Amino acid sequence: MKVVVQRCKRAQVTVDGKTVGEIGEGLMLLVGVTHEDTEKDADFLASKIAGLRIFEDEAGKMNHSVSETGGSILSVSQFTLYGDCRKGRRPNFMAAAAPAEAERLYDYFNQELTALGLNVETGVFGAMMEVSLVNWGPVTLILDSRG
């Protein structure tokens, strides 16, 4: 699994003009699933994200996690994270998991974040979504369960 993590002041996702997920301060996650991913990958990334110290303390150092700050999560499925652009000009998405399996693991991942005590909002799997955020810092990290 790959997750793009963006620390944000606020984020929102809309489908057909209707807001389906919205948060204030917290983390905006773009989540991609590949063929070999399992619950173990989702568990690893959920735990890593919940404890990732990327929020500033009183001294301005990144010493607090989203769990410690009471921030929320906006999680959006993003199969294009597995787009391969090495050949030609059109991305190849062969490395992205089949939709049914990707949705199952995406849902499992979000449930694990919730089980860790986080407030999780989501987009709509497979829908055409409009995502907006105010990236705070900016702080953007790419996590991969495979190293």
N, C-alpha and C. Protein backbone atom coordinates (compact mmCIF):
# COMPACT_ATOMS: atom_id res chain seq x y z
N MET A 1 0.84 -1.18 0.00
CA MET A 1 0.00 0.00 0.00
C MET A 1 0.88 1.24 0.00
N LYS A 2 0.38 2.26 -0.65
CA LYS A 2 1.04 3.56 -0.63
C LYS A 2 0.03 4.57 -0.09
N VAL A 3 0.53 5.48 0.73
CA VAL A 3 -0.31 6.55 1.24
C VAL A 3 0.45 7.87 1.15
N VAL A 4 -0.15 8.85 0.50
CA VAL A 4 0.37 10.20 0.52
C VAL A 4 -0.30 10.88 1.71
N VAL A 5 0.53 11.37 2.65
CA VAL A 5 0.05 12.00 3.88
C VAL A 5 0.31 13.49 3.78
N GLN A 6 -0.73 14.29 3.95
CA GLN A 6 -0.58 15.73 3.91
C GLN A 6 -1.16 16.33 5.19
N ARG A 7 -0.32 17.02 5.94
CA ARG A 7 -0.81 17.71 7.13
C ARG A 7 -1.63 18.90 6.64
N CYS A 8 -2.82 19.07 7.19
CA CYS A 8 -3.69 20.11 6.67
C CYS A 8 -4.39 20.91 7.76
N LYS A 9 -4.76 22.12 7.39
CA LYS A 9 -5.60 22.98 8.23
C LYS A 9 -7.06 22.59 8.06
N ARG A 10 -7.41 22.17 6.83
CA ARG A 10 -8.75 21.68 6.53
C ARG A 10 -8.70 20.96 5.19
N ALA A 11 -9.65 20.03 5.02
CA ALA A 11 -9.73 19.29 3.76
C ALA A 11 -11.17 18.84 3.55
N GLN A 12 -11.51 18.64 2.28
CA GLN A 12 -12.88 18.24 1.97
C GLN A 12 -12.89 17.47 0.65
N VAL A 13 -13.85 16.57 0.54
CA VAL A 13 -14.06 15.84 -0.71
C VAL A 13 -15.54 15.93 -1.07
N THR A 14 -15.78 16.22 -2.36
CA THR A 14 -17.15 16.31 -2.84
C THR A 14 -17.36 15.34 -3.99
N VAL A 15 -18.59 14.86 -4.11
CA VAL A 15 -19.02 14.00 -5.21
C VAL A 15 -20.32 14.59 -5.74
N ASP A 16 -20.34 14.85 -7.03
CA ASP A 16 -21.53 15.45 -7.67
C ASP A 16 -21.99 16.71 -6.94
N GLY A 17 -21.04 17.54 -6.52
CA GLY A 17 -21.35 18.80 -5.87
C GLY A 17 -21.75 18.70 -4.41
N LYS A 18 -21.78 17.48 -3.85
CA LYS A 18 -22.17 17.28 -2.46
C LYS A 18 -20.96 16.90 -1.62
N THR A 19 -20.76 17.58 -0.49
CA THR A 19 -19.65 17.25 0.41
C THR A 19 -19.93 15.90 1.06
N VAL A 20 -18.99 14.96 0.90
CA VAL A 20 -19.15 13.63 1.49
C VAL A 20 -18.18 13.38 2.63
N GLY A 21 -17.14 14.20 2.74
CA GLY A 21 -16.18 14.10 3.83
C GLY A 21 -15.50 15.43 4.02
N GLU A 22 -15.31 15.83 5.29
CA GLU A 22 -14.71 17.12 5.57
C GLU A 22 -14.08 17.09 6.96
N ILE A 23 -12.88 17.68 7.07
CA ILE A 23 -12.21 17.76 8.37
C ILE A 23 -11.60 19.14 8.56
N GLY A 24 -11.28 19.44 9.82
CA GLY A 24 -10.49 20.61 10.15
C GLY A 24 -9.03 20.18 10.19
N GLU A 25 -8.29 20.60 11.21
CA GLU A 25 -6.88 20.24 11.30
C GLU A 25 -6.70 18.73 11.41
N GLY A 26 -5.73 18.23 10.69
CA GLY A 26 -5.46 16.80 10.72
C GLY A 26 -4.63 16.36 9.54
N LEU A 27 -4.98 15.18 9.02
CA LEU A 27 -4.23 14.59 7.91
C LEU A 27 -5.15 14.24 6.76
N MET A 28 -4.76 14.64 5.58
CA MET A 28 -5.41 14.24 4.33
C MET A 28 -4.60 13.07 3.79
N LEU A 29 -5.26 11.94 3.55
CA LEU A 29 -4.59 10.73 3.07
C LEU A 29 -5.10 10.36 1.69
N LEU A 30 -4.19 10.11 0.76
CA LEU A 30 -4.50 9.51 -0.53
C LEU A 30 -3.98 8.09 -0.46
N VAL A 31 -4.87 7.11 -0.63
CA VAL A 31 -4.55 5.71 -0.33
C VAL A 31 -4.62 4.86 -1.59
N GLY A 32 -3.50 4.19 -1.92
CA GLY A 32 -3.44 3.29 -3.06
C GLY A 32 -3.15 1.87 -2.63
N VAL A 33 -3.77 0.91 -3.32
CA VAL A 33 -3.62 -0.51 -3.00
C VAL A 33 -3.11 -1.24 -4.23
N THR A 34 -2.13 -2.13 -4.02
CA THR A 34 -1.61 -2.94 -5.12
C THR A 34 -1.96 -4.41 -4.88
N HIS A 35 -1.63 -5.27 -5.83
CA HIS A 35 -2.06 -6.68 -5.81
C HIS A 35 -1.61 -7.48 -4.61
N GLU A 36 -0.41 -7.26 -4.15
CA GLU A 36 0.15 -8.08 -3.07
C GLU A 36 -0.25 -7.61 -1.68
N ASP A 37 -0.96 -6.51 -1.56
CA ASP A 37 -1.29 -5.95 -0.25
C ASP A 37 -2.26 -6.83 0.53
N THR A 38 -2.06 -6.83 1.86
CA THR A 38 -2.90 -7.61 2.77
C THR A 38 -3.28 -6.71 3.95
N GLU A 39 -4.03 -7.29 4.87
CA GLU A 39 -4.38 -6.59 6.10
C GLU A 39 -3.13 -6.17 6.87
N LYS A 40 -2.07 -6.95 6.76
CA LYS A 40 -0.82 -6.62 7.45
C LYS A 40 -0.28 -5.27 6.97
N ASP A 41 -0.37 -5.00 5.67
CA ASP A 41 0.07 -3.71 5.11
C ASP A 41 -0.80 -2.58 5.66
N ALA A 42 -2.10 -2.81 5.69
CA ALA A 42 -3.03 -1.79 6.20
C ALA A 42 -2.79 -1.53 7.68
N ASP A 43 -2.57 -2.59 8.46
CA ASP A 43 -2.29 -2.44 9.89
C ASP A 43 -1.03 -1.61 10.11
N PHE A 44 0.02 -1.94 9.36
CA PHE A 44 1.30 -1.23 9.49
C PHE A 44 1.12 0.27 9.21
N LEU A 45 0.46 0.58 8.10
CA LEU A 45 0.32 1.99 7.73
C LEU A 45 -0.63 2.74 8.67
N ALA A 46 -1.69 2.11 9.11
CA ALA A 46 -2.61 2.78 10.05
C ALA A 46 -1.87 3.13 11.33
N SER A 47 -1.10 2.19 11.85
CA SER A 47 -0.33 2.42 13.08
C SER A 47 0.72 3.51 12.87
N LYS A 48 1.41 3.45 11.74
CA LYS A 48 2.45 4.44 11.42
C LYS A 48 1.84 5.84 11.33
N ILE A 49 0.72 5.97 10.65
CA ILE A 49 0.08 7.27 10.46
C ILE A 49 -0.44 7.82 11.78
N ALA A 50 -1.05 6.98 12.59
CA ALA A 50 -1.60 7.42 13.89
C ALA A 50 -0.49 7.97 14.79
N GLY A 51 0.71 7.41 14.69
CA GLY A 51 1.81 7.82 15.56
C GLY A 51 2.84 8.74 14.94
N LEU A 52 2.66 9.09 13.67
CA LEU A 52 3.63 9.90 12.95
C LEU A 52 3.71 11.30 13.56
N ARG A 53 4.88 11.67 14.03
CA ARG A 53 5.07 12.94 14.73
C ARG A 53 5.37 14.05 13.74
N ILE A 54 4.31 14.66 13.21
CA ILE A 54 4.49 15.72 12.21
C ILE A 54 3.72 16.99 12.57
N PHE A 55 3.24 17.07 13.82
CA PHE A 55 2.59 18.28 14.31
C PHE A 55 3.52 18.94 15.32
N GLU A 56 3.59 20.25 15.25
CA GLU A 56 4.55 21.00 16.06
C GLU A 56 4.14 21.10 17.52
N ASP A 57 5.17 21.08 18.39
CA ASP A 57 4.96 21.34 19.81
C ASP A 57 5.11 22.84 20.06
N GLU A 58 5.13 23.22 21.34
CA GLU A 58 5.23 24.63 21.72
C GLU A 58 6.53 25.28 21.23
N ALA A 59 7.56 24.47 21.04
CA ALA A 59 8.86 24.98 20.59
C ALA A 59 8.99 24.99 19.07
N GLY A 60 7.93 24.58 18.37
CA GLY A 60 7.98 24.58 16.91
C GLY A 60 8.60 23.34 16.30
N LYS A 61 8.87 22.30 17.12
CA LYS A 61 9.44 21.04 16.60
C LYS A 61 8.32 20.05 16.32
N MET A 62 8.51 19.24 15.30
CA MET A 62 7.54 18.20 14.98
C MET A 62 7.65 17.09 16.01
N ASN A 63 6.85 17.16 17.05
CA ASN A 63 6.91 16.20 18.15
C ASN A 63 5.58 15.56 18.49
N HIS A 64 4.48 15.95 17.81
CA HIS A 64 3.17 15.43 18.15
C HIS A 64 2.55 14.71 16.96
N SER A 65 1.77 13.69 17.27
CA SER A 65 1.06 12.93 16.24
C SER A 65 -0.38 13.43 16.13
N VAL A 66 -1.06 13.01 15.09
CA VAL A 66 -2.47 13.35 14.93
C VAL A 66 -3.29 12.78 16.08
N SER A 67 -2.88 11.66 16.62
CA SER A 67 -3.56 11.07 17.78
C SER A 67 -3.45 11.99 19.00
N GLU A 68 -2.27 12.58 19.18
CA GLU A 68 -2.02 13.44 20.34
C GLU A 68 -2.70 14.80 20.22
N THR A 69 -2.85 15.28 18.99
CA THR A 69 -3.41 16.62 18.80
C THR A 69 -4.93 16.61 18.71
N GLY A 70 -5.53 15.43 18.58
CA GLY A 70 -6.97 15.35 18.42
C GLY A 70 -7.43 15.69 17.02
N GLY A 71 -6.50 15.67 16.06
CA GLY A 71 -6.84 15.96 14.67
C GLY A 71 -7.63 14.83 14.04
N SER A 72 -8.18 15.09 12.87
CA SER A 72 -8.98 14.12 12.14
C SER A 72 -8.25 13.64 10.90
N ILE A 73 -8.83 12.64 10.26
CA ILE A 73 -8.30 12.05 9.04
C ILE A 73 -9.34 12.18 7.93
N LEU A 74 -8.91 12.61 6.75
CA LEU A 74 -9.74 12.49 5.55
C LEU A 74 -9.01 11.53 4.63
N SER A 75 -9.60 10.36 4.43
CA SER A 75 -8.98 9.28 3.66
C SER A 75 -9.71 9.13 2.32
N VAL A 76 -8.93 9.21 1.23
CA VAL A 76 -9.49 9.13 -0.12
C VAL A 76 -8.76 8.05 -0.91
N SER A 77 -9.52 7.13 -1.50
CA SER A 77 -8.89 6.09 -2.32
C SER A 77 -8.29 6.72 -3.57
N GLN A 78 -7.12 6.19 -3.98
CA GLN A 78 -6.37 6.82 -5.07
C GLN A 78 -5.59 5.76 -5.85
N PHE A 79 -6.26 5.03 -6.74
CA PHE A 79 -5.58 3.97 -7.49
C PHE A 79 -4.45 4.51 -8.36
N THR A 80 -4.50 5.79 -8.71
CA THR A 80 -3.47 6.35 -9.59
C THR A 80 -2.11 6.43 -8.92
N LEU A 81 -2.02 6.19 -7.60
CA LEU A 81 -0.71 6.13 -6.95
C LEU A 81 0.13 4.99 -7.52
N TYR A 82 -0.53 4.01 -8.12
CA TYR A 82 0.18 2.90 -8.74
C TYR A 82 0.26 3.05 -10.26
N GLY A 83 0.13 4.27 -10.75
CA GLY A 83 0.30 4.52 -12.18
C GLY A 83 1.77 4.45 -12.56
N ASP A 84 2.06 3.74 -13.64
CA ASP A 84 3.42 3.60 -14.14
C ASP A 84 3.55 4.47 -15.39
N CYS A 85 4.42 5.47 -15.31
CA CYS A 85 4.59 6.43 -16.41
C CYS A 85 5.93 6.29 -17.11
N ARG A 86 6.60 5.15 -16.90
CA ARG A 86 7.95 5.00 -17.45
C ARG A 86 7.95 4.89 -18.97
N LYS A 87 6.90 4.31 -19.56
CA LYS A 87 6.86 4.14 -21.01
C LYS A 87 5.69 4.93 -21.58
N GLY A 88 5.92 5.56 -22.69
CA GLY A 88 4.85 6.30 -23.36
C GLY A 88 4.41 7.52 -22.56
N ARG A 89 3.24 8.02 -22.90
CA ARG A 89 2.73 9.22 -22.26
C ARG A 89 1.43 8.97 -21.51
N ARG A 90 0.89 7.76 -21.61
CA ARG A 90 -0.33 7.43 -20.88
C ARG A 90 0.03 6.48 -19.75
N PRO A 91 -0.37 6.80 -18.51
CA PRO A 91 -0.04 5.91 -17.39
C PRO A 91 -0.67 4.52 -17.54
N ASN A 92 0.05 3.55 -17.04
CA ASN A 92 -0.42 2.17 -17.01
C ASN A 92 -0.76 1.86 -15.56
N PHE A 93 -1.93 1.34 -15.29
CA PHE A 93 -2.38 1.09 -13.93
C PHE A 93 -2.42 -0.39 -13.58
N MET A 94 -1.59 -1.18 -14.25
CA MET A 94 -1.57 -2.63 -14.02
C MET A 94 -1.19 -3.00 -12.59
N ALA A 95 -0.44 -2.15 -11.90
CA ALA A 95 -0.01 -2.47 -10.54
C ALA A 95 -1.10 -2.19 -9.50
N ALA A 96 -2.14 -1.47 -9.88
CA ALA A 96 -3.23 -1.19 -8.94
C ALA A 96 -4.05 -2.46 -8.75
N ALA A 97 -4.49 -2.69 -7.51
CA ALA A 97 -5.31 -3.87 -7.20
C ALA A 97 -6.65 -3.78 -7.92
N ALA A 98 -7.26 -4.94 -8.14
CA ALA A 98 -8.61 -4.98 -8.71
C ALA A 98 -9.56 -4.21 -7.79
N PRO A 99 -10.55 -3.54 -8.35
CA PRO A 99 -11.42 -2.68 -7.54
C PRO A 99 -12.03 -3.35 -6.30
N ALA A 100 -12.53 -4.56 -6.41
CA ALA A 100 -13.18 -5.21 -5.25
C ALA A 100 -12.18 -5.41 -4.11
N GLU A 101 -10.98 -5.86 -4.43
CA GLU A 101 -9.96 -6.08 -3.40
C GLU A 101 -9.44 -4.76 -2.85
N ALA A 102 -9.25 -3.79 -3.72
CA ALA A 102 -8.78 -2.47 -3.27
C ALA A 102 -9.79 -1.85 -2.32
N GLU A 103 -11.07 -1.94 -2.65
CA GLU A 103 -12.10 -1.37 -1.78
C GLU A 103 -12.14 -2.09 -0.43
N ARG A 104 -11.99 -3.40 -0.44
CA ARG A 104 -11.99 -4.16 0.81
C ARG A 104 -10.84 -3.71 1.71
N LEU A 105 -9.63 -3.60 1.16
CA LEU A 105 -8.49 -3.19 1.97
C LEU A 105 -8.55 -1.72 2.37
N TYR A 106 -9.07 -0.89 1.50
CA TYR A 106 -9.26 0.53 1.83
C TYR A 106 -10.22 0.67 3.01
N ASP A 107 -11.33 -0.04 2.96
CA ASP A 107 -12.28 -0.01 4.07
C ASP A 107 -11.66 -0.55 5.35
N TYR A 108 -10.91 -1.63 5.24
CA TYR A 108 -10.23 -2.21 6.40
C TYR A 108 -9.24 -1.21 7.00
N PHE A 109 -8.47 -0.55 6.16
CA PHE A 109 -7.51 0.46 6.60
C PHE A 109 -8.20 1.57 7.39
N ASN A 110 -9.32 2.07 6.87
CA ASN A 110 -10.06 3.12 7.55
C ASN A 110 -10.64 2.64 8.88
N GLN A 111 -11.07 1.40 8.93
CA GLN A 111 -11.57 0.82 10.19
C GLN A 111 -10.44 0.72 11.21
N GLU A 112 -9.24 0.39 10.76
CA GLU A 112 -8.10 0.32 11.68
C GLU A 112 -7.74 1.69 12.22
N LEU A 113 -7.79 2.72 11.40
CA LEU A 113 -7.55 4.08 11.88
C LEU A 113 -8.58 4.46 12.93
N THR A 114 -9.83 4.12 12.69
CA THR A 114 -10.90 4.39 13.65
C THR A 114 -10.67 3.62 14.94
N ALA A 115 -10.26 2.37 14.83
CA ALA A 115 -9.98 1.53 16.02
C ALA A 115 -8.84 2.11 16.84
N LEU A 116 -7.96 2.88 16.21
CA LEU A 116 -6.85 3.52 16.92
C LEU A 116 -7.29 4.84 17.58
N GLY A 117 -8.58 5.14 17.51
CA GLY A 117 -9.13 6.30 18.19
C GLY A 117 -9.23 7.56 17.36
N LEU A 118 -9.02 7.44 16.05
CA LEU A 118 -9.05 8.61 15.18
C LEU A 118 -10.43 8.81 14.56
N ASN A 119 -10.79 10.08 14.38
CA ASN A 119 -12.01 10.43 13.64
C ASN A 119 -11.65 10.37 12.16
N VAL A 120 -12.34 9.50 11.41
CA VAL A 120 -12.01 9.29 10.00
C VAL A 120 -13.20 9.63 9.12
N GLU A 121 -12.97 10.53 8.19
CA GLU A 121 -13.93 10.85 7.14
C GLU A 121 -13.36 10.25 5.85
N THR A 122 -14.23 9.94 4.89
CA THR A 122 -13.76 9.33 3.65
C THR A 122 -14.43 9.96 2.43
N GLY A 123 -13.85 9.63 1.30
CA GLY A 123 -14.49 9.93 0.03
C GLY A 123 -15.40 8.76 -0.31
N VAL A 124 -15.75 8.62 -1.60
CA VAL A 124 -16.59 7.52 -2.06
C VAL A 124 -15.74 6.69 -3.00
N PHE A 125 -15.47 5.44 -2.64
CA PHE A 125 -14.61 4.58 -3.43
C PHE A 125 -15.13 4.49 -4.87
N GLY A 126 -14.22 4.71 -5.82
CA GLY A 126 -14.54 4.57 -7.23
C GLY A 126 -15.26 5.74 -7.87
N ALA A 127 -15.65 6.73 -7.07
CA ALA A 127 -16.38 7.88 -7.61
C ALA A 127 -15.40 8.91 -8.18
N MET A 128 -15.90 9.76 -9.05
CA MET A 128 -15.15 10.92 -9.50
C MET A 128 -15.30 11.96 -8.39
N MET A 129 -14.18 12.29 -7.74
CA MET A 129 -14.22 13.17 -6.57
C MET A 129 -13.45 14.45 -6.83
N GLU A 130 -13.86 15.49 -6.14
CA GLU A 130 -13.11 16.75 -6.09
C GLU A 130 -12.57 16.85 -4.67
N VAL A 131 -11.25 16.93 -4.56
CA VAL A 131 -10.60 16.98 -3.25
C VAL A 131 -9.92 18.34 -3.11
N SER A 132 -10.14 18.98 -1.97
CA SER A 132 -9.47 20.24 -1.72
C SER A 132 -8.90 20.21 -0.31
N LEU A 133 -7.79 20.92 -0.14
CA LEU A 133 -7.19 21.00 1.18
C LEU A 133 -6.32 22.24 1.27
N VAL A 134 -6.09 22.64 2.50
CA VAL A 134 -5.10 23.66 2.79
C VAL A 134 -3.96 22.92 3.47
N ASN A 135 -2.90 22.66 2.70
CA ASN A 135 -1.74 21.94 3.22
C ASN A 135 -1.02 22.86 4.19
N TRP A 136 -0.69 22.33 5.35
CA TRP A 136 -0.15 23.13 6.45
C TRP A 136 1.33 22.87 6.57
N GLY A 137 2.13 23.84 6.19
CA GLY A 137 3.58 23.71 6.29
C GLY A 137 4.29 24.25 5.06
N PRO A 138 4.18 23.63 3.94
CA PRO A 138 3.48 22.39 3.67
C PRO A 138 4.25 21.17 4.19
N VAL A 139 3.50 20.18 4.61
CA VAL A 139 4.09 18.90 5.03
C VAL A 139 3.40 17.82 4.21
N THR A 140 4.16 17.12 3.38
CA THR A 140 3.67 16.03 2.55
C THR A 140 4.68 14.89 2.60
N LEU A 141 4.21 13.69 2.95
CA LEU A 141 5.06 12.51 3.02
C LEU A 141 4.43 11.38 2.23
N ILE A 142 5.29 10.50 1.69
CA ILE A 142 4.80 9.32 0.99
C ILE A 142 5.25 8.10 1.79
N LEU A 143 4.25 7.31 2.23
CA LEU A 143 4.53 6.08 2.98
C LEU A 143 4.22 4.88 2.10
N ASP A 144 5.05 3.85 2.19
CA ASP A 144 4.86 2.63 1.42
C ASP A 144 5.05 1.46 2.36
N SER A 145 4.07 0.58 2.45
CA SER A 145 4.16 -0.56 3.37
C SER A 145 5.22 -1.55 2.94
N ARG A 146 5.70 -1.44 1.72
CA ARG A 146 6.70 -2.37 1.20
C ARG A 146 8.12 -1.82 1.31
N GLY A 147 8.27 -0.70 1.99
CA GLY A 147 9.61 -0.17 2.19
C GLY A 147 9.83 1.05 1.41
